[in-house]
Amino acid sequence: MQLVSSPLSPFVRKVRVLLLEAGLAEQVEVVDVATTPFETDAQAAAANPLGKIPALMRNDGPTLYDSRVITRYLDERAGGGFYPHARLWEVLTLEATAEGIMEAALSMAYEARFRPEPMQYAPWVEAQWSKVARALDAVEARWMSHLAGPLDMSHISVGCALGYLDFRHDARGWRQARPALDDWYAVFAERDSMRQTAPA
């Protein structure tokens, strides 16, 4: 199998962390491409008609895309465990929260990187950050007991979302007023899987 990838994408990173945690890394070749919202890489477009990454090219079936589809498939292939049935809805909800953080943060980064400065709209950027801040507040207030439990896909997703905030939006200071989440991430970020996939 091949994973159409970019080392800076938080959505790709969560797939790569799962591959390492599930012991599947040797089964998947990571193929890095350079793609942007304006210039879609040909391989990314061939794998996913939307041109988005990650995409998982399988030998025995159609290419899978959307990180949540890929991680569910890989979890099944590894024998399950990262989407435990007993707390499935909690895992999926927290994973969706983390994905929303990534989407809003990526939109902010795109605004700064790909729009000419006169066309950048500060109120829209701040609205995206408000989504991130509300989601982080919700995790701090409601989800820390879950994050203290056994490793599942929601932990990986939250960890990758926070890593992306550090990478692209560190000046925003997401840790302020969120001491429990800060403490949790300080430990989680030291996992081998997180260190091996950290953007640089």
N, C-alpha and C. Protein backbone atom coordinates (compact mmCIF):
# COMPACT_ATOMS: atom_id res chain seq x y z
N MET A 1 0.85 -1.20 0.00
CA MET A 1 0.00 0.00 0.00
C MET A 1 0.88 1.24 0.00
N GLN A 2 0.32 2.32 -0.53
CA GLN A 2 1.02 3.60 -0.54
C GLN A 2 0.12 4.68 0.08
N LEU A 3 0.74 5.53 0.89
CA LEU A 3 0.03 6.65 1.48
C LEU A 3 0.49 7.93 0.80
N VAL A 4 -0.41 8.54 0.03
CA VAL A 4 -0.11 9.83 -0.59
C VAL A 4 -0.17 10.88 0.51
N SER A 5 0.91 11.63 0.65
CA SER A 5 1.20 12.26 1.93
C SER A 5 1.87 13.61 1.77
N SER A 6 1.86 14.39 2.84
CA SER A 6 2.73 15.55 3.01
C SER A 6 3.18 15.55 4.46
N PRO A 7 4.46 15.77 4.72
CA PRO A 7 4.94 15.70 6.11
C PRO A 7 4.41 16.82 6.99
N LEU A 8 3.79 17.85 6.41
CA LEU A 8 3.31 18.98 7.20
C LEU A 8 1.80 18.91 7.48
N SER A 9 1.11 17.98 6.89
CA SER A 9 -0.34 17.89 7.06
C SER A 9 -0.70 17.21 8.38
N PRO A 10 -1.54 17.84 9.21
CA PRO A 10 -1.96 17.17 10.44
C PRO A 10 -2.85 15.96 10.18
N PHE A 11 -3.57 15.97 9.05
CA PHE A 11 -4.44 14.85 8.70
C PHE A 11 -3.59 13.64 8.30
N VAL A 12 -2.52 13.89 7.57
CA VAL A 12 -1.58 12.81 7.25
C VAL A 12 -0.90 12.32 8.52
N ARG A 13 -0.52 13.24 9.38
CA ARG A 13 0.21 12.85 10.58
C ARG A 13 -0.59 11.87 11.43
N LYS A 14 -1.89 12.09 11.58
CA LYS A 14 -2.66 11.17 12.42
C LYS A 14 -2.68 9.77 11.83
N VAL A 15 -2.66 9.66 10.50
CA VAL A 15 -2.59 8.34 9.87
C VAL A 15 -1.22 7.72 10.13
N ARG A 16 -0.17 8.52 10.00
CA ARG A 16 1.17 7.99 10.21
C ARG A 16 1.40 7.58 11.67
N VAL A 17 0.85 8.35 12.61
CA VAL A 17 0.96 7.97 14.02
C VAL A 17 0.25 6.64 14.26
N LEU A 18 -0.94 6.49 13.69
CA LEU A 18 -1.66 5.22 13.85
C LEU A 18 -0.87 4.07 13.25
N LEU A 19 -0.28 4.26 12.08
CA LEU A 19 0.53 3.20 11.47
C LEU A 19 1.62 2.73 12.43
N LEU A 20 2.27 3.66 13.08
CA LEU A 20 3.34 3.31 14.03
C LEU A 20 2.77 2.64 15.27
N GLU A 21 1.72 3.19 15.81
CA GLU A 21 1.14 2.64 17.04
C GLU A 21 0.54 1.25 16.82
N ALA A 22 0.01 1.02 15.62
CA ALA A 22 -0.64 -0.26 15.32
C ALA A 22 0.32 -1.29 14.75
N GLY A 23 1.59 -0.92 14.55
CA GLY A 23 2.57 -1.86 14.00
C GLY A 23 2.39 -2.14 12.52
N LEU A 24 1.83 -1.16 11.79
CA LEU A 24 1.58 -1.35 10.37
C LEU A 24 2.51 -0.55 9.47
N ALA A 25 3.45 0.17 10.04
CA ALA A 25 4.26 1.11 9.26
C ALA A 25 5.01 0.43 8.12
N GLU A 26 5.46 -0.81 8.34
CA GLU A 26 6.22 -1.49 7.29
C GLU A 26 5.34 -1.95 6.13
N GLN A 27 4.03 -1.92 6.31
CA GLN A 27 3.12 -2.35 5.25
C GLN A 27 2.72 -1.22 4.31
N VAL A 28 3.09 0.01 4.66
CA VAL A 28 2.64 1.18 3.89
C VAL A 28 3.84 2.04 3.52
N GLU A 29 4.00 2.29 2.22
CA GLU A 29 5.03 3.21 1.73
C GLU A 29 4.47 4.62 1.74
N VAL A 30 5.16 5.53 2.39
CA VAL A 30 4.74 6.93 2.44
C VAL A 30 5.31 7.65 1.23
N VAL A 31 4.43 8.23 0.42
CA VAL A 31 4.81 8.93 -0.80
C VAL A 31 4.47 10.41 -0.62
N ASP A 32 5.47 11.23 -0.40
CA ASP A 32 5.24 12.66 -0.18
C ASP A 32 5.06 13.38 -1.51
N VAL A 33 4.07 14.26 -1.54
CA VAL A 33 3.81 15.09 -2.71
C VAL A 33 3.76 16.55 -2.26
N ALA A 34 3.96 17.45 -3.21
CA ALA A 34 3.84 18.88 -2.95
C ALA A 34 2.57 19.36 -3.63
N THR A 35 1.56 19.69 -2.84
CA THR A 35 0.28 20.10 -3.41
C THR A 35 -0.25 21.30 -2.64
N THR A 36 -0.96 22.17 -3.33
CA THR A 36 -1.54 23.36 -2.70
C THR A 36 -2.99 23.50 -3.15
N PRO A 37 -3.77 24.40 -2.52
CA PRO A 37 -5.15 24.61 -2.96
C PRO A 37 -5.25 25.10 -4.41
N PHE A 38 -4.17 25.72 -4.92
CA PHE A 38 -4.20 26.27 -6.27
C PHE A 38 -3.50 25.38 -7.30
N GLU A 39 -2.57 24.57 -6.85
CA GLU A 39 -1.83 23.70 -7.75
C GLU A 39 -1.84 22.29 -7.19
N THR A 40 -2.82 21.52 -7.62
CA THR A 40 -2.98 20.16 -7.11
C THR A 40 -1.97 19.24 -7.76
N ASP A 41 -1.25 18.50 -6.94
CA ASP A 41 -0.30 17.52 -7.44
C ASP A 41 -1.04 16.45 -8.23
N ALA A 42 -0.44 16.04 -9.34
CA ALA A 42 -1.10 15.07 -10.23
C ALA A 42 -1.35 13.74 -9.53
N GLN A 43 -0.41 13.29 -8.70
CA GLN A 43 -0.61 12.02 -8.01
C GLN A 43 -1.70 12.13 -6.96
N ALA A 44 -1.78 13.28 -6.29
CA ALA A 44 -2.85 13.48 -5.32
C ALA A 44 -4.21 13.49 -6.01
N ALA A 45 -4.29 14.14 -7.17
CA ALA A 45 -5.55 14.20 -7.91
C ALA A 45 -5.95 12.83 -8.45
N ALA A 46 -4.95 12.03 -8.86
CA ALA A 46 -5.24 10.70 -9.36
C ALA A 46 -5.76 9.79 -8.25
N ALA A 47 -5.23 9.99 -7.04
CA ALA A 47 -5.64 9.16 -5.91
C ALA A 47 -6.99 9.59 -5.34
N ASN A 48 -7.24 10.89 -5.33
CA ASN A 48 -8.46 11.45 -4.75
C ASN A 48 -8.95 12.55 -5.68
N PRO A 49 -10.13 12.43 -6.26
CA PRO A 49 -10.59 13.45 -7.21
C PRO A 49 -10.69 14.84 -6.59
N LEU A 50 -10.77 14.91 -5.27
CA LEU A 50 -10.78 16.21 -4.59
C LEU A 50 -9.38 16.80 -4.48
N GLY A 51 -8.36 15.97 -4.74
CA GLY A 51 -6.99 16.44 -4.68
C GLY A 51 -6.46 16.58 -3.27
N LYS A 52 -7.18 16.07 -2.29
CA LYS A 52 -6.77 16.22 -0.89
C LYS A 52 -5.96 15.03 -0.43
N ILE A 53 -5.14 15.27 0.58
CA ILE A 53 -4.37 14.21 1.21
C ILE A 53 -4.78 14.13 2.68
N PRO A 54 -4.62 12.93 3.26
CA PRO A 54 -4.00 11.71 2.74
C PRO A 54 -4.94 10.90 1.85
N ALA A 55 -4.33 10.03 1.07
CA ALA A 55 -5.06 9.01 0.32
C ALA A 55 -4.28 7.71 0.44
N LEU A 56 -4.97 6.63 0.67
CA LEU A 56 -4.32 5.33 0.84
C LEU A 56 -4.60 4.47 -0.39
N MET A 57 -3.56 4.23 -1.17
CA MET A 57 -3.68 3.42 -2.38
C MET A 57 -3.46 1.96 -2.01
N ARG A 58 -4.52 1.17 -2.19
CA ARG A 58 -4.46 -0.24 -1.80
C ARG A 58 -4.18 -1.12 -3.00
N ASN A 59 -3.61 -2.29 -2.73
CA ASN A 59 -3.34 -3.26 -3.79
C ASN A 59 -4.57 -4.10 -4.11
N ASP A 60 -5.51 -4.15 -3.17
CA ASP A 60 -6.63 -5.08 -3.31
C ASP A 60 -7.98 -4.37 -3.34
N GLY A 61 -7.99 -3.09 -3.67
CA GLY A 61 -9.26 -2.38 -3.71
C GLY A 61 -9.05 -0.92 -4.07
N PRO A 62 -10.15 -0.18 -4.17
CA PRO A 62 -10.05 1.23 -4.53
C PRO A 62 -9.26 2.03 -3.49
N THR A 63 -8.70 3.14 -3.93
CA THR A 63 -8.01 4.05 -3.03
C THR A 63 -8.99 4.62 -2.02
N LEU A 64 -8.54 4.70 -0.78
CA LEU A 64 -9.34 5.29 0.29
C LEU A 64 -8.85 6.70 0.56
N TYR A 65 -9.77 7.61 0.84
CA TYR A 65 -9.36 8.96 1.23
C TYR A 65 -10.30 9.51 2.28
N ASP A 66 -9.85 10.59 2.90
CA ASP A 66 -10.34 11.19 4.13
C ASP A 66 -9.67 10.43 5.29
N SER A 67 -9.01 11.19 6.13
CA SER A 67 -8.19 10.56 7.17
C SER A 67 -9.01 9.64 8.07
N ARG A 68 -10.27 10.00 8.35
CA ARG A 68 -11.07 9.15 9.23
C ARG A 68 -11.45 7.83 8.57
N VAL A 69 -11.65 7.84 7.27
CA VAL A 69 -11.91 6.58 6.55
C VAL A 69 -10.66 5.71 6.60
N ILE A 70 -9.51 6.32 6.35
CA ILE A 70 -8.25 5.58 6.33
C ILE A 70 -7.94 4.99 7.70
N THR A 71 -8.11 5.76 8.75
CA THR A 71 -7.78 5.24 10.08
C THR A 71 -8.73 4.12 10.51
N ARG A 72 -9.99 4.22 10.12
CA ARG A 72 -10.91 3.11 10.44
C ARG A 72 -10.49 1.84 9.69
N TYR A 73 -10.10 2.00 8.44
CA TYR A 73 -9.65 0.84 7.67
C TYR A 73 -8.40 0.23 8.28
N LEU A 74 -7.43 1.07 8.62
CA LEU A 74 -6.18 0.56 9.19
C LEU A 74 -6.41 -0.09 10.54
N ASP A 75 -7.30 0.48 11.34
CA ASP A 75 -7.62 -0.13 12.63
C ASP A 75 -8.21 -1.52 12.43
N GLU A 76 -9.10 -1.64 11.46
CA GLU A 76 -9.68 -2.96 11.17
C GLU A 76 -8.60 -3.93 10.71
N ARG A 77 -7.70 -3.45 9.89
CA ARG A 77 -6.62 -4.30 9.38
C ARG A 77 -5.70 -4.76 10.50
N ALA A 78 -5.52 -3.89 11.51
CA ALA A 78 -4.65 -4.22 12.64
C ALA A 78 -5.34 -5.07 13.70
N GLY A 79 -6.62 -5.34 13.51
CA GLY A 79 -7.34 -6.18 14.47
C GLY A 79 -8.18 -5.40 15.46
N GLY A 80 -8.37 -4.12 15.20
CA GLY A 80 -9.22 -3.31 16.08
C GLY A 80 -8.48 -2.86 17.33
N GLY A 81 -9.12 -1.98 18.06
CA GLY A 81 -8.55 -1.51 19.31
C GLY A 81 -8.47 0.00 19.41
N PHE A 82 -8.33 0.67 18.27
CA PHE A 82 -8.24 2.13 18.31
C PHE A 82 -9.60 2.80 18.19
N TYR A 83 -10.62 2.01 17.85
CA TYR A 83 -12.01 2.46 17.88
C TYR A 83 -12.81 1.47 18.73
N PRO A 84 -12.54 1.42 20.04
CA PRO A 84 -13.17 0.40 20.89
C PRO A 84 -14.69 0.55 20.94
N HIS A 85 -15.36 -0.56 20.77
CA HIS A 85 -16.83 -0.54 20.70
C HIS A 85 -17.45 0.04 21.97
N ALA A 86 -16.88 -0.25 23.11
CA ALA A 86 -17.48 0.17 24.38
C ALA A 86 -17.56 1.69 24.53
N ARG A 87 -16.68 2.42 23.86
CA ARG A 87 -16.74 3.88 23.93
C ARG A 87 -16.62 4.50 22.54
N LEU A 88 -17.20 3.82 21.55
CA LEU A 88 -17.05 4.23 20.16
C LEU A 88 -17.56 5.64 19.91
N TRP A 89 -18.74 5.97 20.43
CA TRP A 89 -19.32 7.28 20.12
C TRP A 89 -18.51 8.40 20.74
N GLU A 90 -17.94 8.15 21.89
CA GLU A 90 -17.07 9.15 22.51
C GLU A 90 -15.80 9.34 21.68
N VAL A 91 -15.23 8.23 21.23
CA VAL A 91 -14.02 8.31 20.41
C VAL A 91 -14.29 9.08 19.13
N LEU A 92 -15.39 8.77 18.46
CA LEU A 92 -15.71 9.42 17.20
C LEU A 92 -16.00 10.91 17.41
N THR A 93 -16.67 11.26 18.49
CA THR A 93 -16.98 12.67 18.74
C THR A 93 -15.72 13.46 19.04
N LEU A 94 -14.85 12.91 19.86
CA LEU A 94 -13.61 13.61 20.17
C LEU A 94 -12.70 13.68 18.94
N GLU A 95 -12.69 12.62 18.14
CA GLU A 95 -11.92 12.66 16.90
C GLU A 95 -12.46 13.76 15.97
N ALA A 96 -13.79 13.87 15.88
CA ALA A 96 -14.39 14.91 15.04
C ALA A 96 -14.05 16.30 15.56
N THR A 97 -13.99 16.45 16.87
CA THR A 97 -13.60 17.74 17.46
C THR A 97 -12.18 18.09 17.06
N ALA A 98 -11.28 17.12 17.15
CA ALA A 98 -9.89 17.35 16.76
C ALA A 98 -9.78 17.66 15.27
N GLU A 99 -10.55 16.96 14.44
CA GLU A 99 -10.52 17.24 13.01
C GLU A 99 -11.00 18.66 12.73
N GLY A 100 -12.01 19.12 13.47
CA GLY A 100 -12.48 20.48 13.30
C GLY A 100 -11.42 21.51 13.66
N ILE A 101 -10.65 21.22 14.71
CA ILE A 101 -9.53 22.10 15.07
C ILE A 101 -8.53 22.16 13.92
N MET A 102 -8.19 20.99 13.38
CA MET A 102 -7.24 20.95 12.26
C MET A 102 -7.76 21.73 11.07
N GLU A 103 -9.03 21.55 10.73
CA GLU A 103 -9.60 22.22 9.55
C GLU A 103 -9.56 23.74 9.71
N ALA A 104 -9.96 24.23 10.88
CA ALA A 104 -9.95 25.68 11.10
C ALA A 104 -8.53 26.23 11.10
N ALA A 105 -7.62 25.50 11.75
CA ALA A 105 -6.22 25.96 11.80
C ALA A 105 -5.58 25.92 10.42
N LEU A 106 -5.89 24.91 9.63
CA LEU A 106 -5.36 24.84 8.27
C LEU A 106 -5.91 25.98 7.42
N SER A 107 -7.18 26.30 7.58
CA SER A 107 -7.77 27.41 6.84
C SER A 107 -7.06 28.72 7.16
N MET A 108 -6.74 28.91 8.43
CA MET A 108 -5.99 30.11 8.84
C MET A 108 -4.62 30.15 8.16
N ALA A 109 -3.95 29.02 8.14
CA ALA A 109 -2.63 28.96 7.52
C ALA A 109 -2.72 29.23 6.02
N TYR A 110 -3.73 28.67 5.37
CA TYR A 110 -3.91 28.91 3.94
C TYR A 110 -4.16 30.39 3.65
N GLU A 111 -4.95 31.03 4.50
CA GLU A 111 -5.25 32.46 4.30
C GLU A 111 -3.96 33.27 4.28
N ALA A 112 -3.06 32.94 5.20
CA ALA A 112 -1.80 33.70 5.30
C ALA A 112 -0.82 33.32 4.19
N ARG A 113 -0.81 32.05 3.78
CA ARG A 113 0.21 31.58 2.85
C ARG A 113 -0.17 31.76 1.38
N PHE A 114 -1.46 31.69 1.06
CA PHE A 114 -1.85 31.62 -0.34
C PHE A 114 -2.67 32.81 -0.84
N ARG A 115 -3.20 33.62 0.05
CA ARG A 115 -3.92 34.81 -0.40
C ARG A 115 -2.98 36.01 -0.39
N PRO A 116 -3.01 36.85 -1.41
CA PRO A 116 -2.24 38.09 -1.35
C PRO A 116 -2.69 38.92 -0.14
N GLU A 117 -1.76 39.60 0.46
CA GLU A 117 -2.06 40.31 1.71
C GLU A 117 -3.27 41.25 1.60
N PRO A 118 -3.45 41.98 0.50
CA PRO A 118 -4.63 42.86 0.43
C PRO A 118 -5.96 42.10 0.43
N MET A 119 -5.92 40.82 0.09
CA MET A 119 -7.15 40.03 0.03
C MET A 119 -7.41 39.25 1.32
N GLN A 120 -6.49 39.26 2.24
CA GLN A 120 -6.68 38.54 3.50
C GLN A 120 -7.71 39.27 4.36
N TYR A 121 -8.58 38.49 4.99
CA TYR A 121 -9.71 39.07 5.73
C TYR A 121 -9.58 38.69 7.21
N ALA A 122 -9.11 39.62 8.00
CA ALA A 122 -8.80 39.35 9.40
C ALA A 122 -10.01 38.85 10.19
N PRO A 123 -11.21 39.42 10.02
CA PRO A 123 -12.35 38.89 10.79
C PRO A 123 -12.63 37.42 10.50
N TRP A 124 -12.41 36.99 9.27
CA TRP A 124 -12.62 35.58 8.94
C TRP A 124 -11.59 34.71 9.65
N VAL A 125 -10.33 35.17 9.68
CA VAL A 125 -9.28 34.44 10.38
C VAL A 125 -9.62 34.31 11.86
N GLU A 126 -10.08 35.41 12.45
CA GLU A 126 -10.42 35.38 13.87
C GLU A 126 -11.61 34.46 14.14
N ALA A 127 -12.53 34.39 13.19
CA ALA A 127 -13.67 33.47 13.34
C ALA A 127 -13.20 32.02 13.36
N GLN A 128 -12.19 31.72 12.53
CA GLN A 128 -11.63 30.36 12.54
C GLN A 128 -10.96 30.07 13.88
N TRP A 129 -10.22 31.04 14.39
CA TRP A 129 -9.58 30.82 15.68
C TRP A 129 -10.61 30.67 16.80
N SER A 130 -11.73 31.35 16.69
CA SER A 130 -12.79 31.18 17.70
C SER A 130 -13.29 29.74 17.73
N LYS A 131 -13.38 29.11 16.56
CA LYS A 131 -13.76 27.69 16.51
C LYS A 131 -12.73 26.84 17.25
N VAL A 132 -11.46 27.11 16.97
CA VAL A 132 -10.38 26.37 17.63
C VAL A 132 -10.46 26.56 19.14
N ALA A 133 -10.61 27.80 19.58
CA ALA A 133 -10.64 28.10 21.02
C ALA A 133 -11.82 27.43 21.71
N ARG A 134 -12.98 27.46 21.09
CA ARG A 134 -14.15 26.81 21.69
C ARG A 134 -13.94 25.30 21.80
N ALA A 135 -13.36 24.73 20.76
CA ALA A 135 -13.12 23.28 20.78
C ALA A 135 -12.11 22.91 21.86
N LEU A 136 -11.04 23.69 21.98
CA LEU A 136 -10.05 23.43 23.03
C LEU A 136 -10.66 23.57 24.41
N ASP A 137 -11.51 24.58 24.60
CA ASP A 137 -12.18 24.76 25.89
C ASP A 137 -13.06 23.56 26.20
N ALA A 138 -13.73 23.03 25.19
CA ALA A 138 -14.59 21.87 25.40
C ALA A 138 -13.77 20.65 25.80
N VAL A 139 -12.62 20.46 25.15
CA VAL A 139 -11.76 19.33 25.52
C VAL A 139 -11.28 19.48 26.95
N GLU A 140 -10.84 20.67 27.31
CA GLU A 140 -10.37 20.94 28.67
C GLU A 140 -11.46 20.69 29.70
N ALA A 141 -12.69 21.09 29.38
CA ALA A 141 -13.79 21.02 30.35
C ALA A 141 -14.44 19.64 30.42
N ARG A 142 -14.48 18.91 29.29
CA ARG A 142 -15.33 17.71 29.22
C ARG A 142 -14.61 16.41 28.91
N TRP A 143 -13.39 16.48 28.36
CA TRP A 143 -12.81 15.29 27.78
C TRP A 143 -11.52 14.82 28.42
N MET A 144 -11.06 15.48 29.46
CA MET A 144 -9.76 15.09 30.02
C MET A 144 -9.81 13.69 30.65
N SER A 145 -10.94 13.30 31.21
CA SER A 145 -11.03 11.95 31.78
C SER A 145 -10.90 10.90 30.68
N HIS A 146 -11.45 11.18 29.51
CA HIS A 146 -11.30 10.25 28.38
C HIS A 146 -9.85 10.19 27.93
N LEU A 147 -9.21 11.34 27.82
CA LEU A 147 -7.81 11.37 27.39
C LEU A 147 -6.88 10.69 28.39
N ALA A 148 -7.34 10.57 29.63
CA ALA A 148 -6.54 9.87 30.65
C ALA A 148 -6.67 8.36 30.53
N GLY A 149 -7.58 7.89 29.67
CA GLY A 149 -7.81 6.46 29.54
C GLY A 149 -6.91 5.80 28.52
N PRO A 150 -7.20 4.53 28.17
CA PRO A 150 -6.37 3.79 27.22
C PRO A 150 -6.30 4.47 25.85
N LEU A 151 -5.18 4.32 25.19
CA LEU A 151 -4.94 4.96 23.90
C LEU A 151 -5.98 4.52 22.87
N ASP A 152 -6.58 5.50 22.20
CA ASP A 152 -7.46 5.22 21.07
C ASP A 152 -7.27 6.32 20.03
N MET A 153 -8.08 6.28 18.98
CA MET A 153 -7.87 7.20 17.87
C MET A 153 -8.15 8.64 18.26
N SER A 154 -8.97 8.87 19.25
CA SER A 154 -9.22 10.25 19.66
C SER A 154 -7.99 10.87 20.30
N HIS A 155 -7.21 10.09 21.04
CA HIS A 155 -5.97 10.61 21.61
C HIS A 155 -5.01 11.04 20.49
N ILE A 156 -4.87 10.18 19.50
CA ILE A 156 -3.97 10.48 18.38
C ILE A 156 -4.43 11.74 17.65
N SER A 157 -5.73 11.86 17.43
CA SER A 157 -6.27 13.00 16.71
C SER A 157 -6.05 14.30 17.47
N VAL A 158 -6.35 14.29 18.76
CA VAL A 158 -6.14 15.49 19.57
C VAL A 158 -4.65 15.84 19.61
N GLY A 159 -3.80 14.84 19.79
CA GLY A 159 -2.37 15.10 19.82
C GLY A 159 -1.87 15.74 18.54
N CYS A 160 -2.34 15.25 17.39
CA CYS A 160 -1.91 15.82 16.11
C CYS A 160 -2.48 17.22 15.89
N ALA A 161 -3.69 17.46 16.37
CA ALA A 161 -4.27 18.80 16.26
C ALA A 161 -3.46 19.80 17.08
N LEU A 162 -3.10 19.43 18.29
CA LEU A 162 -2.31 20.32 19.14
C LEU A 162 -0.92 20.54 18.56
N GLY A 163 -0.35 19.49 18.00
CA GLY A 163 0.95 19.63 17.35
C GLY A 163 0.90 20.61 16.19
N TYR A 164 -0.19 20.58 15.45
CA TYR A 164 -0.32 21.52 14.32
C TYR A 164 -0.48 22.95 14.82
N LEU A 165 -1.19 23.13 15.93
CA LEU A 165 -1.30 24.48 16.51
C LEU A 165 0.07 25.00 16.92
N ASP A 166 0.88 24.14 17.51
CA ASP A 166 2.24 24.54 17.87
C ASP A 166 3.05 24.90 16.62
N PHE A 167 2.86 24.13 15.56
CA PHE A 167 3.66 24.30 14.35
C PHE A 167 3.28 25.57 13.59
N ARG A 168 1.99 25.83 13.43
CA ARG A 168 1.55 26.95 12.59
C ARG A 168 1.05 28.18 13.38
N HIS A 169 0.59 27.96 14.61
CA HIS A 169 -0.07 29.07 15.31
C HIS A 169 0.41 29.19 16.76
N ASP A 170 1.68 28.94 16.97
CA ASP A 170 2.22 28.96 18.33
C ASP A 170 2.00 30.30 19.02
N ALA A 171 2.04 31.39 18.26
CA ALA A 171 1.88 32.73 18.86
C ALA A 171 0.50 32.94 19.47
N ARG A 172 -0.45 32.12 19.09
CA ARG A 172 -1.81 32.24 19.64
C ARG A 172 -1.90 31.76 21.09
N GLY A 173 -0.93 30.97 21.52
CA GLY A 173 -0.89 30.56 22.92
C GLY A 173 -2.07 29.71 23.36
N TRP A 174 -2.29 28.59 22.66
CA TRP A 174 -3.45 27.76 22.98
C TRP A 174 -3.43 27.21 24.40
N ARG A 175 -2.25 27.15 25.02
CA ARG A 175 -2.14 26.57 26.36
C ARG A 175 -2.74 27.46 27.46
N GLN A 176 -2.91 28.73 27.19
CA GLN A 176 -3.42 29.65 28.21
C GLN A 176 -4.80 29.22 28.68
N ALA A 177 -4.96 29.13 29.98
CA ALA A 177 -6.23 28.75 30.63
C ALA A 177 -6.64 27.31 30.34
N ARG A 178 -5.71 26.50 29.85
CA ARG A 178 -6.01 25.08 29.60
C ARG A 178 -4.90 24.21 30.18
N PRO A 179 -4.69 24.28 31.48
CA PRO A 179 -3.54 23.60 32.09
C PRO A 179 -3.61 22.08 31.98
N ALA A 180 -4.81 21.51 32.09
CA ALA A 180 -4.91 20.06 32.03
C ALA A 180 -4.54 19.54 30.64
N LEU A 181 -5.03 20.22 29.62
CA LEU A 181 -4.72 19.81 28.24
C LEU A 181 -3.24 20.02 27.95
N ASP A 182 -2.68 21.10 28.46
CA ASP A 182 -1.25 21.36 28.31
C ASP A 182 -0.43 20.24 28.94
N ASP A 183 -0.78 19.84 30.14
CA ASP A 183 -0.06 18.76 30.83
C ASP A 183 -0.19 17.45 30.07
N TRP A 184 -1.40 17.16 29.60
CA TRP A 184 -1.61 15.91 28.87
C TRP A 184 -0.75 15.88 27.60
N TYR A 185 -0.75 16.99 26.86
CA TYR A 185 -0.02 17.01 25.60
C TYR A 185 1.49 16.93 25.82
N ALA A 186 1.97 17.52 26.90
CA ALA A 186 3.41 17.46 27.17
C ALA A 186 3.88 16.02 27.27
N VAL A 187 3.06 15.16 27.83
CA VAL A 187 3.39 13.73 27.94
C VAL A 187 3.16 13.02 26.61
N PHE A 188 2.00 13.29 25.99
CA PHE A 188 1.65 12.57 24.76
C PHE A 188 2.63 12.87 23.63
N ALA A 189 3.10 14.10 23.57
CA ALA A 189 4.01 14.50 22.49
C ALA A 189 5.35 13.77 22.55
N GLU A 190 5.66 13.14 23.68
CA GLU A 190 6.92 12.41 23.82
C GLU A 190 6.83 10.97 23.33
N ARG A 191 5.66 10.52 22.93
CA ARG A 191 5.55 9.17 22.39
C ARG A 191 6.43 9.06 21.15
N ASP A 192 7.01 7.88 20.94
CA ASP A 192 7.88 7.68 19.78
C ASP A 192 7.15 8.00 18.47
N SER A 193 5.89 7.61 18.40
CA SER A 193 5.13 7.83 17.16
C SER A 193 4.95 9.32 16.89
N MET A 194 4.80 10.11 17.93
CA MET A 194 4.65 11.55 17.75
C MET A 194 6.00 12.20 17.40
N ARG A 195 7.04 11.76 18.05
CA ARG A 195 8.36 12.33 17.76
C ARG A 195 8.81 12.00 16.34
N GLN A 196 8.51 10.79 15.88
CA GLN A 196 8.92 10.40 14.53
C GLN A 196 8.16 11.14 13.43
N THR A 197 6.97 11.65 13.73
CA THR A 197 6.14 12.27 12.70
C THR A 197 6.02 13.78 12.87
N ALA A 198 6.79 14.35 13.79
CA ALA A 198 6.68 15.80 14.05
C ALA A 198 7.05 16.60 12.82
N PRO A 199 6.24 17.62 12.46
CA PRO A 199 6.60 18.47 11.32
C PRO A 199 7.83 19.30 11.62
N ALA A 200 8.59 19.58 10.61
CA ALA A 200 9.82 20.37 10.80
C ALA A 200 9.99 21.36 9.65
